[in-house]
Amino acid sequence: MNSILKVPNAETGITEETYLYLPGIPGGKGTTADLGVNHFTVPVDFGPDGTVMKARPIGTLSGYEAELLKVVVKELKGNVTKGVQFVTVS
């Protein structure tokens, strides 16, 4: 994560895998539609103009990988729902 410290110096080409709210970044809405979740870990470019998601993070998957992704997304949806409920109640 030391690479993110370079952003204030206007350095470019800084890419990190980041768990974030997809609709909040350029290019994120398409991934939200593809996966059916608003939060996911994706590669993003950090720079002086903000954060930009790299190309769609999920490429071509085998049948086995697609099934595993369904399991991950289901679990992620449950975790996000719990988190939102916790913040709403607190």
PDB file of N, CA and C in Angstrom:
ATOM      1  N   MET A   1       0.800  -1.187   0.000  1.00  0.00           N
ATOM      2  CA  MET A   1       0.000   0.000   0.000  1.00  0.00           C
ATOM      3  C   MET A   1       0.852   1.264   0.000  1.00  0.00           C
ATOM      4  N   ASN A   2       2.132   1.125   0.106  1.00  0.00           N
ATOM      5  CA  ASN A   2       2.992   2.307   0.033  1.00  0.00           C
ATOM      6  C   ASN A   2       2.816   3.042  -1.283  1.00  0.00           C
ATOM      7  N   SER A   3       2.395   2.335  -2.301  1.00  0.00           N
ATOM      8  CA  SER A   3       2.222   2.978  -3.605  1.00  0.00           C
ATOM      9  C   SER A   3       1.166   4.074  -3.562  1.00  0.00           C
ATOM     10  N   ILE A   4       0.150   3.926  -2.720  1.00  0.00           N
ATOM     11  CA  ILE A   4      -0.897   4.947  -2.627  1.00  0.00           C
ATOM     12  C   ILE A   4      -0.328   6.257  -2.090  1.00  0.00           C
ATOM     13  N   LEU A   5       0.737   6.182  -1.311  1.00  0.00           N
ATOM     14  CA  LEU A   5       1.353   7.395  -0.782  1.00  0.00           C
ATOM     15  C   LEU A   5       1.967   8.257  -1.884  1.00  0.00           C
ATOM     16  N   LYS A   6       2.167   7.677  -3.063  1.00  0.00           N
ATOM     17  CA  LYS A   6       2.731   8.417  -4.186  1.00  0.00           C
ATOM     18  C   LYS A   6       1.697   9.295  -4.888  1.00  0.00           C
ATOM     19  N   VAL A   7       0.422   9.034  -4.661  1.00  0.00           N
ATOM     20  CA  VAL A   7      -0.639   9.753  -5.369  1.00  0.00           C
ATOM     21  C   VAL A   7      -0.572  11.261  -5.157  1.00  0.00           C
ATOM     22  N   PRO A   8      -0.395  11.748  -3.918  1.00  0.00           N
ATOM     23  CA  PRO A   8      -0.347  13.205  -3.752  1.00  0.00           C
ATOM     24  C   PRO A   8       0.791  13.876  -4.531  1.00  0.00           C
ATOM     25  N   ASN A   9       1.794  13.113  -4.927  1.00  0.00           N
ATOM     26  CA  ASN A   9       2.903  13.665  -5.701  1.00  0.00           C
ATOM     27  C   ASN A   9       2.628  13.639  -7.201  1.00  0.00           C
ATOM     28  N   ALA A  10       1.357  13.401  -7.558  1.00  0.00           N
ATOM     29  CA  ALA A  10       0.907  13.385  -8.958  1.00  0.00           C
ATOM     30  C   ALA A  10       1.526  12.255  -9.772  1.00  0.00           C
ATOM     31  N   GLU A  11       1.982  11.193  -9.104  1.00  0.00           N
ATOM     32  CA  GLU A  11       2.492  10.047  -9.841  1.00  0.00           C
ATOM     33  C   GLU A  11       1.308   9.286 -10.436  1.00  0.00           C
ATOM     34  N   THR A  12       1.535   8.664 -11.576  1.00  0.00           N
ATOM     35  CA  THR A  12       0.488   7.897 -12.242  1.00  0.00           C
ATOM     36  C   THR A  12       0.943   6.455 -12.393  1.00  0.00           C
ATOM     37  N   GLY A  13       0.036   5.618 -12.888  1.00  0.00           N
ATOM     38  CA  GLY A  13       0.371   4.217 -13.084  1.00  0.00           C
ATOM     39  C   GLY A  13       0.350   3.421 -11.787  1.00  0.00           C
ATOM     40  N   ILE A  14      -0.368   3.905 -10.791  1.00  0.00           N
ATOM     41  CA  ILE A  14      -0.453   3.237  -9.500  1.00  0.00           C
ATOM     42  C   ILE A  14      -1.729   2.411  -9.491  1.00  0.00           C
ATOM     43  N   THR A  15      -1.580   1.098  -9.484  1.00  0.00           N
ATOM     44  CA  THR A  15      -2.722   0.193  -9.500  1.00  0.00           C
ATOM     45  C   THR A  15      -2.684  -0.683  -8.261  1.00  0.00           C
ATOM     46  N   GLU A  16      -3.826  -0.790  -7.595  1.00  0.00           N
ATOM     47  CA  GLU A  16      -3.957  -1.636  -6.407  1.00  0.00           C
ATOM     48  C   GLU A  16      -5.288  -2.370  -6.468  1.00  0.00           C
ATOM     49  N   GLU A  17      -5.325  -3.570  -5.921  1.00  0.00           N
ATOM     50  CA  GLU A  17      -6.581  -4.291  -5.731  1.00  0.00           C
ATOM     51  C   GLU A  17      -7.262  -3.655  -4.532  1.00  0.00           C
ATOM     52  N   THR A  18      -8.509  -3.226  -4.692  1.00  0.00           N
ATOM     53  CA  THR A  18      -9.189  -2.473  -3.657  1.00  0.00           C
ATOM     54  C   THR A  18     -10.643  -2.918  -3.540  1.00  0.00           C
ATOM     55  N   TYR A  19     -11.086  -3.158  -2.307  1.00  0.00           N
ATOM     56  CA  TYR A  19     -12.482  -3.484  -2.047  1.00  0.00           C
ATOM     57  C   TYR A  19     -13.216  -2.163  -1.906  1.00  0.00           C
ATOM     58  N   LEU A  20     -14.198  -1.941  -2.763  1.00  0.00           N
ATOM     59  CA  LEU A  20     -14.873  -0.645  -2.731  1.00  0.00           C
ATOM     60  C   LEU A  20     -16.302  -0.716  -3.224  1.00  0.00           C
ATOM     61  N   TYR A  21     -16.982   0.421  -3.090  1.00  0.00           N
ATOM     62  CA  TYR A  21     -18.348   0.589  -3.572  1.00  0.00           C
ATOM     63  C   TYR A  21     -18.268   0.886  -5.067  1.00  0.00           C
ATOM     64  N   LEU A  22     -18.645  -0.088  -5.878  1.00  0.00           N
ATOM     65  CA  LEU A  22     -18.456   0.007  -7.319  1.00  0.00           C
ATOM     66  C   LEU A  22     -19.176   1.168  -7.999  1.00  0.00           C
ATOM     67  N   PRO A  23     -20.465   1.442  -7.681  1.00  0.00           N
ATOM     68  CA  PRO A  23     -21.121   2.553  -8.369  1.00  0.00           C
ATOM     69  C   PRO A  23     -20.461   3.914  -8.099  1.00  0.00           C
ATOM     70  N   GLY A  24     -19.577   3.977  -7.116  1.00  0.00           N
ATOM     71  CA  GLY A  24     -18.930   5.233  -6.780  1.00  0.00           C
ATOM     72  C   GLY A  24     -17.717   5.566  -7.618  1.00  0.00           C
ATOM     73  N   ILE A  25     -17.332   4.669  -8.534  1.00  0.00           N
ATOM     74  CA  ILE A  25     -16.170   4.944  -9.371  1.00  0.00           C
ATOM     75  C   ILE A  25     -16.526   4.782 -10.844  1.00  0.00           C
ATOM     76  N   PRO A  26     -15.852   5.524 -11.709  1.00  0.00           N
ATOM     77  CA  PRO A  26     -16.101   5.362 -13.148  1.00  0.00           C
ATOM     78  C   PRO A  26     -15.861   3.919 -13.580  1.00  0.00           C
ATOM     79  N   GLY A  27     -16.790   3.354 -14.318  1.00  0.00           N
ATOM     80  CA  GLY A  27     -16.672   1.988 -14.800  1.00  0.00           C
ATOM     81  C   GLY A  27     -17.245   0.954 -13.844  1.00  0.00           C
ATOM     82  N   GLY A  28     -17.608   1.355 -12.657  1.00  0.00           N
ATOM     83  CA  GLY A  28     -18.073   0.409 -11.651  1.00  0.00           C
ATOM     84  C   GLY A  28     -19.495  -0.082 -11.837  1.00  0.00           C
ATOM     85  N   LYS A  29     -20.330   0.711 -12.475  1.00  0.00           N
ATOM     86  CA  LYS A  29     -21.731   0.317 -12.631  1.00  0.00           C
ATOM     87  C   LYS A  29     -21.882  -0.930 -13.498  1.00  0.00           C
ATOM     88  N   GLY A  30     -21.042  -1.076 -14.494  1.00  0.00           N
ATOM     89  CA  GLY A  30     -21.115  -2.267 -15.345  1.00  0.00           C
ATOM     90  C   GLY A  30     -20.758  -3.524 -14.575  1.00  0.00           C
ATOM     91  N   THR A  31     -19.761  -3.419 -13.708  1.00  0.00           N
ATOM     92  CA  THR A  31     -19.371  -4.570 -12.899  1.00  0.00           C
ATOM     93  C   THR A  31     -20.461  -4.885 -11.883  1.00  0.00           C
ATOM     94  N   THR A  32     -21.093  -3.854 -11.339  1.00  0.00           N
ATOM     95  CA  THR A  32     -22.220  -4.072 -10.433  1.00  0.00           C
ATOM     96  C   THR A  32     -23.313  -4.852 -11.153  1.00  0.00           C
ATOM     97  N   ALA A  33     -23.611  -4.471 -12.376  1.00  0.00           N
ATOM     98  CA  ALA A  33     -24.638  -5.168 -13.154  1.00  0.00           C
ATOM     99  C   ALA A  33     -24.218  -6.602 -13.451  1.00  0.00           C
ATOM    100  N   ASP A  34     -22.950  -6.810 -13.779  1.00  0.00           N
ATOM    101  CA  ASP A  34     -22.456  -8.154 -14.094  1.00  0.00           C
ATOM    102  C   ASP A  34     -22.532  -9.093 -12.889  1.00  0.00           C
ATOM    103  N   LEU A  35     -22.143  -8.582 -11.721  1.00  0.00           N
ATOM    104  CA  LEU A  35     -22.024  -9.431 -10.540  1.00  0.00           C
ATOM    105  C   LEU A  35     -23.259  -9.432  -9.649  1.00  0.00           C
ATOM    106  N   GLY A  36     -24.044  -8.373  -9.714  1.00  0.00           N
ATOM    107  CA  GLY A  36     -25.209  -8.277  -8.849  1.00  0.00           C
ATOM    108  C   GLY A  36     -24.881  -7.821  -7.436  1.00  0.00           C
ATOM    109  N   VAL A  37     -23.709  -7.210  -7.251  1.00  0.00           N
ATOM    110  CA  VAL A  37     -23.310  -6.668  -5.949  1.00  0.00           C
ATOM    111  C   VAL A  37     -22.744  -5.271  -6.155  1.00  0.00           C
ATOM    112  N   ASN A  38     -22.872  -4.440  -5.121  1.00  0.00           N
ATOM    113  CA  ASN A  38     -22.339  -3.081  -5.194  1.00  0.00           C
ATOM    114  C   ASN A  38     -20.909  -2.969  -4.707  1.00  0.00           C
ATOM    115  N   HIS A  39     -20.438  -3.958  -3.978  1.00  0.00           N
ATOM    116  CA  HIS A  39     -19.091  -3.937  -3.404  1.00  0.00           C
ATOM    117  C   HIS A  39     -18.313  -5.148  -3.918  1.00  0.00           C
ATOM    118  N   PHE A  40     -17.063  -4.927  -4.277  1.00  0.00           N
ATOM    119  CA  PHE A  40     -16.227  -6.033  -4.735  1.00  0.00           C
ATOM    120  C   PHE A  40     -14.778  -5.551  -4.772  1.00  0.00           C
ATOM    121  N   THR A  41     -13.865  -6.480  -4.815  1.00  0.00           N
ATOM    122  CA  THR A  41     -12.456  -6.134  -4.951  1.00  0.00           C
ATOM    123  C   THR A  41     -12.107  -6.091  -6.432  1.00  0.00           C
ATOM    124  N   VAL A  42     -11.599  -4.950  -6.859  1.00  0.00           N
ATOM    125  CA  VAL A  42     -11.247  -4.760  -8.264  1.00  0.00           C
ATOM    126  C   VAL A  42      -9.920  -4.008  -8.351  1.00  0.00           C
ATOM    127  N   PRO A  43      -9.200  -4.180  -9.459  1.00  0.00           N
ATOM    128  CA  PRO A  43      -7.999  -3.376  -9.646  1.00  0.00           C
ATOM    129  C   PRO A  43      -8.394  -1.953 -10.024  1.00  0.00           C
ATOM    130  N   VAL A  44      -7.839  -0.978  -9.327  1.00  0.00           N
ATOM    131  CA  VAL A  44      -8.118   0.417  -9.639  1.00  0.00           C
ATOM    132  C   VAL A  44      -6.815   1.185  -9.821  1.00  0.00           C
ATOM    133  N   ASP A  45      -6.868   2.182 -10.680  1.00  0.00           N
ATOM    134  CA  ASP A  45      -5.754   3.101 -10.872  1.00  0.00           C
ATOM    135  C   ASP A  45      -5.977   4.294  -9.959  1.00  0.00           C
ATOM    136  N   PHE A  46      -4.979   4.611  -9.157  1.00  0.00           N
ATOM    137  CA  PHE A  46      -5.025   5.798  -8.306  1.00  0.00           C
ATOM    138  C   PHE A  46      -4.189   6.873  -8.971  1.00  0.00           C
ATOM    139  N   GLY A  47      -4.690   8.088  -8.964  1.00  0.00           N
ATOM    140  CA  GLY A  47      -3.931   9.172  -9.552  1.00  0.00           C
ATOM    141  C   GLY A  47      -4.427  10.515  -9.068  1.00  0.00           C
ATOM    142  N   PRO A  48      -3.809  11.557  -9.547  1.00  0.00           N
ATOM    143  CA  PRO A  48      -4.161  12.898  -9.087  1.00  0.00           C
ATOM    144  C   PRO A  48      -5.596  13.291  -9.405  1.00  0.00           C
ATOM    145  N   ASP A  49      -6.223  12.634 -10.381  1.00  0.00           N
ATOM    146  CA  ASP A  49      -7.600  12.955 -10.749  1.00  0.00           C
ATOM    147  C   ASP A  49      -8.622  12.049 -10.079  1.00  0.00           C
ATOM    148  N   GLY A  50      -8.186  11.189  -9.171  1.00  0.00           N
ATOM    149  CA  GLY A  50      -9.107  10.298  -8.460  1.00  0.00           C
ATOM    150  C   GLY A  50      -8.827   8.840  -8.747  1.00  0.00           C
ATOM    151  N   THR A  51      -9.873   8.048  -8.603  1.00  0.00           N
ATOM    152  CA  THR A  51      -9.767   6.604  -8.745  1.00  0.00           C
ATOM    153  C   THR A  51     -10.539   6.159  -9.976  1.00  0.00           C
ATOM    154  N   VAL A  52      -9.933   5.301 -10.776  1.00  0.00           N
ATOM    155  CA  VAL A  52     -10.576   4.778 -11.969  1.00  0.00           C
ATOM    156  C   VAL A  52     -10.390   3.275 -11.994  1.00  0.00           C
ATOM    157  N   MET A  53     -11.488   2.547 -12.171  1.00  0.00           N
ATOM    158  CA  MET A  53     -11.388   1.100 -12.240  1.00  0.00           C
ATOM    159  C   MET A  53     -10.721   0.683 -13.543  1.00  0.00           C
ATOM    160  N   LYS A  54      -9.889  -0.320 -13.448  1.00  0.00           N
ATOM    161  CA  LYS A  54      -9.278  -0.879 -14.648  1.00  0.00           C
ATOM    162  C   LYS A  54     -10.365  -1.584 -15.449  1.00  0.00           C
ATOM    163  N   ALA A  55      -9.994  -2.233 -16.513  1.00  0.00           N
ATOM    164  CA  ALA A  55     -10.960  -2.973 -17.322  1.00  0.00           C
ATOM    165  C   ALA A  55     -11.750  -3.932 -16.436  1.00  0.00           C
ATOM    166  N   ARG A  56     -12.879  -4.363 -16.898  1.00  0.00           N
ATOM    167  CA  ARG A  56     -13.731  -5.258 -16.124  1.00  0.00           C
ATOM    168  C   ARG A  56     -12.885  -6.319 -15.421  1.00  0.00           C
ATOM    169  N   PRO A  57     -13.040  -6.453 -14.112  1.00  0.00           N
ATOM    170  CA  PRO A  57     -12.160  -7.330 -13.339  1.00  0.00           C
ATOM    171  C   PRO A  57     -12.417  -8.818 -13.523  1.00  0.00           C
ATOM    172  N   ILE A  58     -13.610  -9.181 -13.961  1.00  0.00           N
ATOM    173  CA  ILE A  58     -13.925 -10.592 -14.130  1.00  0.00           C
ATOM    174  C   ILE A  58     -13.862 -10.911 -15.615  1.00  0.00           C
ATOM    175  N   GLY A  59     -12.871 -11.687 -15.980  1.00  0.00           N
ATOM    176  CA  GLY A  59     -12.711 -12.071 -17.375  1.00  0.00           C
ATOM    177  C   GLY A  59     -13.513 -13.321 -17.689  1.00  0.00           C
ATOM    178  N   THR A  60     -13.061 -14.066 -18.660  1.00  0.00           N
ATOM    179  CA  THR A  60     -13.717 -15.306 -19.034  1.00  0.00           C
ATOM    180  C   THR A  60     -13.469 -16.353 -17.958  1.00  0.00           C
ATOM    181  N   LEU A  61     -14.530 -16.988 -17.509  1.00  0.00           N
ATOM    182  CA  LEU A  61     -14.427 -17.991 -16.452  1.00  0.00           C
ATOM    183  C   LEU A  61     -14.791 -19.371 -16.975  1.00  0.00           C
ATOM    184  N   SER A  62     -14.153 -20.379 -16.413  1.00  0.00           N
ATOM    185  CA  SER A  62     -14.560 -21.751 -16.699  1.00  0.00           C
ATOM    186  C   SER A  62     -15.872 -21.993 -15.958  1.00  0.00           C
ATOM    187  N   GLY A  63     -16.539 -23.080 -16.252  1.00  0.00           N
ATOM    188  CA  GLY A  63     -17.777 -23.409 -15.553  1.00  0.00           C
ATOM    189  C   GLY A  63     -17.554 -23.541 -14.059  1.00  0.00           C
ATOM    190  N   TYR A  64     -16.449 -24.157 -13.679  1.00  0.00           N
ATOM    191  CA  TYR A  64     -16.102 -24.330 -12.266  1.00  0.00           C
ATOM    192  C   TYR A  64     -15.891 -22.981 -11.595  1.00  0.00           C
ATOM    193  N   GLU A  65     -15.156 -22.088 -12.250  1.00  0.00           N
ATOM    194  CA  GLU A  65     -14.903 -20.757 -11.692  1.00  0.00           C
ATOM    195  C   GLU A  65     -16.197 -19.956 -11.567  1.00  0.00           C
ATOM    196  N   ALA A  66     -17.081 -20.080 -12.559  1.00  0.00           N
ATOM    197  CA  ALA A  66     -18.354 -19.364 -12.520  1.00  0.00           C
ATOM    198  C   ALA A  66     -19.187 -19.822 -11.327  1.00  0.00           C
ATOM    199  N   GLU A  67     -19.173 -21.115 -11.043  1.00  0.00           N
ATOM    200  CA  GLU A  67     -19.912 -21.630  -9.881  1.00  0.00           C
ATOM    201  C   GLU A  67     -19.309 -21.114  -8.580  1.00  0.00           C
ATOM    202  N   LEU A  68     -17.996 -21.073  -8.508  1.00  0.00           N
ATOM    203  CA  LEU A  68     -17.346 -20.538  -7.306  1.00  0.00           C
ATOM    204  C   LEU A  68     -17.669 -19.052  -7.121  1.00  0.00           C
ATOM    205  N   LEU A  69     -17.701 -18.314  -8.215  1.00  0.00           N
ATOM    206  CA  LEU A  69     -18.029 -16.892  -8.130  1.00  0.00           C
ATOM    207  C   LEU A  69     -19.448 -16.700  -7.600  1.00  0.00           C
ATOM    208  N   LYS A  70     -20.380 -17.549  -7.998  1.00  0.00           N
ATOM    209  CA  LYS A  70     -21.752 -17.465  -7.485  1.00  0.00           C
ATOM    210  C   LYS A  70     -21.770 -17.636  -5.968  1.00  0.00           C
ATOM    211  N   VAL A  71     -20.970 -18.580  -5.461  1.00  0.00           N
ATOM    212  CA  VAL A  71     -20.894 -18.804  -4.019  1.00  0.00           C
ATOM    213  C   VAL A  71     -20.326 -17.571  -3.320  1.00  0.00           C
ATOM    214  N   VAL A  72     -19.274 -17.008  -3.893  1.00  0.00           N
ATOM    215  CA  VAL A  72     -18.638 -15.823  -3.311  1.00  0.00           C
ATOM    216  C   VAL A  72     -19.611 -14.651  -3.282  1.00  0.00           C
ATOM    217  N   VAL A  73     -20.303 -14.417  -4.375  1.00  0.00           N
ATOM    218  CA  VAL A  73     -21.234 -13.293  -4.464  1.00  0.00           C
ATOM    219  C   VAL A  73     -22.378 -13.467  -3.463  1.00  0.00           C
ATOM    220  N   LYS A  74     -22.885 -14.679  -3.324  1.00  0.00           N
ATOM    221  CA  LYS A  74     -23.960 -14.929  -2.354  1.00  0.00           C
ATOM    222  C   LYS A  74     -23.477 -14.601  -0.938  1.00  0.00           C
ATOM    223  N   GLU A  75     -22.290 -15.061  -0.585  1.00  0.00           N
ATOM    224  CA  GLU A  75     -21.726 -14.792   0.739  1.00  0.00           C
ATOM    225  C   GLU A  75     -21.476 -13.294   0.919  1.00  0.00           C
ATOM    226  N   LEU A  76     -20.963 -12.655  -0.108  1.00  0.00           N
ATOM    227  CA  LEU A  76     -20.687 -11.227  -0.036  1.00  0.00           C
ATOM    228  C   LEU A  76     -21.967 -10.426   0.182  1.00  0.00           C
ATOM    229  N   LYS A  77     -23.031 -10.777  -0.534  1.00  0.00           N
ATOM    230  CA  LYS A  77     -24.309 -10.078  -0.359  1.00  0.00           C
ATOM    231  C   LYS A  77     -24.782 -10.176   1.088  1.00  0.00           C
ATOM    232  N   GLY A  78     -24.652 -11.366   1.677  1.00  0.00           N
ATOM    233  CA  GLY A  78     -25.056 -11.545   3.065  1.00  0.00           C
ATOM    234  C   GLY A  78     -24.224 -10.700   4.009  1.00  0.00           C
ATOM    235  N   ASN A  79     -22.920 -10.652   3.778  1.00  0.00           N
ATOM    236  CA  ASN A  79     -22.031  -9.854   4.632  1.00  0.00           C
ATOM    237  C   ASN A  79     -22.310  -8.358   4.510  1.00  0.00           C
ATOM    238  N   VAL A  80     -22.549  -7.895   3.309  1.00  0.00           N
ATOM    239  CA  VAL A  80     -22.844  -6.476   3.112  1.00  0.00           C
ATOM    240  C   VAL A  80     -24.171  -6.126   3.784  1.00  0.00           C
ATOM    241  N   THR A  81     -25.171  -6.988   3.645  1.00  0.00           N
ATOM    242  CA  THR A  81     -26.459  -6.752   4.289  1.00  0.00           C
ATOM    243  C   THR A  81     -26.294  -6.651   5.805  1.00  0.00           C
ATOM    244  N   LYS A  82     -25.523  -7.561   6.398  1.00  0.00           N
ATOM    245  CA  LYS A  82     -25.264  -7.507   7.846  1.00  0.00           C
ATOM    246  C   LYS A  82     -24.574  -6.200   8.228  1.00  0.00           C
ATOM    247  N   GLY A  83     -23.607  -5.784   7.434  1.00  0.00           N
ATOM    248  CA  GLY A  83     -22.888  -4.544   7.723  1.00  0.00           C
ATOM    249  C   GLY A  83     -23.790  -3.328   7.657  1.00  0.00           C
ATOM    250  N   VAL A  84     -24.633  -3.287   6.647  1.00  0.00           N
ATOM    251  CA  VAL A  84     -25.562  -2.157   6.498  1.00  0.00           C
ATOM    252  C   VAL A  84     -26.554  -2.139   7.658  1.00  0.00           C
ATOM    253  N   GLN A  85     -27.055  -3.292   8.034  1.00  0.00           N
ATOM    254  CA  GLN A  85     -27.979  -3.361   9.177  1.00  0.00           C
ATOM    255  C   GLN A  85     -27.291  -2.892  10.454  1.00  0.00           C
ATOM    256  N   PHE A  86     -26.052  -3.295  10.638  1.00  0.00           N
ATOM    257  CA  PHE A  86     -25.313  -2.891  11.843  1.00  0.00           C
ATOM    258  C   PHE A  86     -25.146  -1.384  11.899  1.00  0.00           C
ATOM    259  N   VAL A  87     -24.773  -0.794  10.790  1.00  0.00           N
ATOM    260  CA  VAL A  87     -24.550   0.652  10.754  1.00  0.00           C
ATOM    261  C   VAL A  87     -25.873   1.398  10.916  1.00  0.00           C
ATOM    262  N   THR A  88     -26.927   0.887  10.340  1.00  0.00           N
ATOM    263  CA  THR A  88     -28.246   1.522  10.416  1.00  0.00           C
ATOM    264  C   THR A  88     -28.790   1.499  11.846  1.00  0.00           C
ATOM    265  N   VAL A  89     -28.574   0.387  12.550  1.00  0.00           N
ATOM    266  CA  VAL A  89     -29.084   0.228  13.916  1.00  0.00           C
ATOM    267  C   VAL A  89     -28.239   1.003  14.916  1.00  0.00           C
ATOM    268  N   SER A  90     -26.948   1.056  14.682  1.00  0.00           N
ATOM    269  CA  SER A  90     -26.034   1.673  15.642  1.00  0.00           C
ATOM    270  C   SER A  90     -26.172   3.157  15.743  1.00  0.00           C
TER     271      SER A  90
END
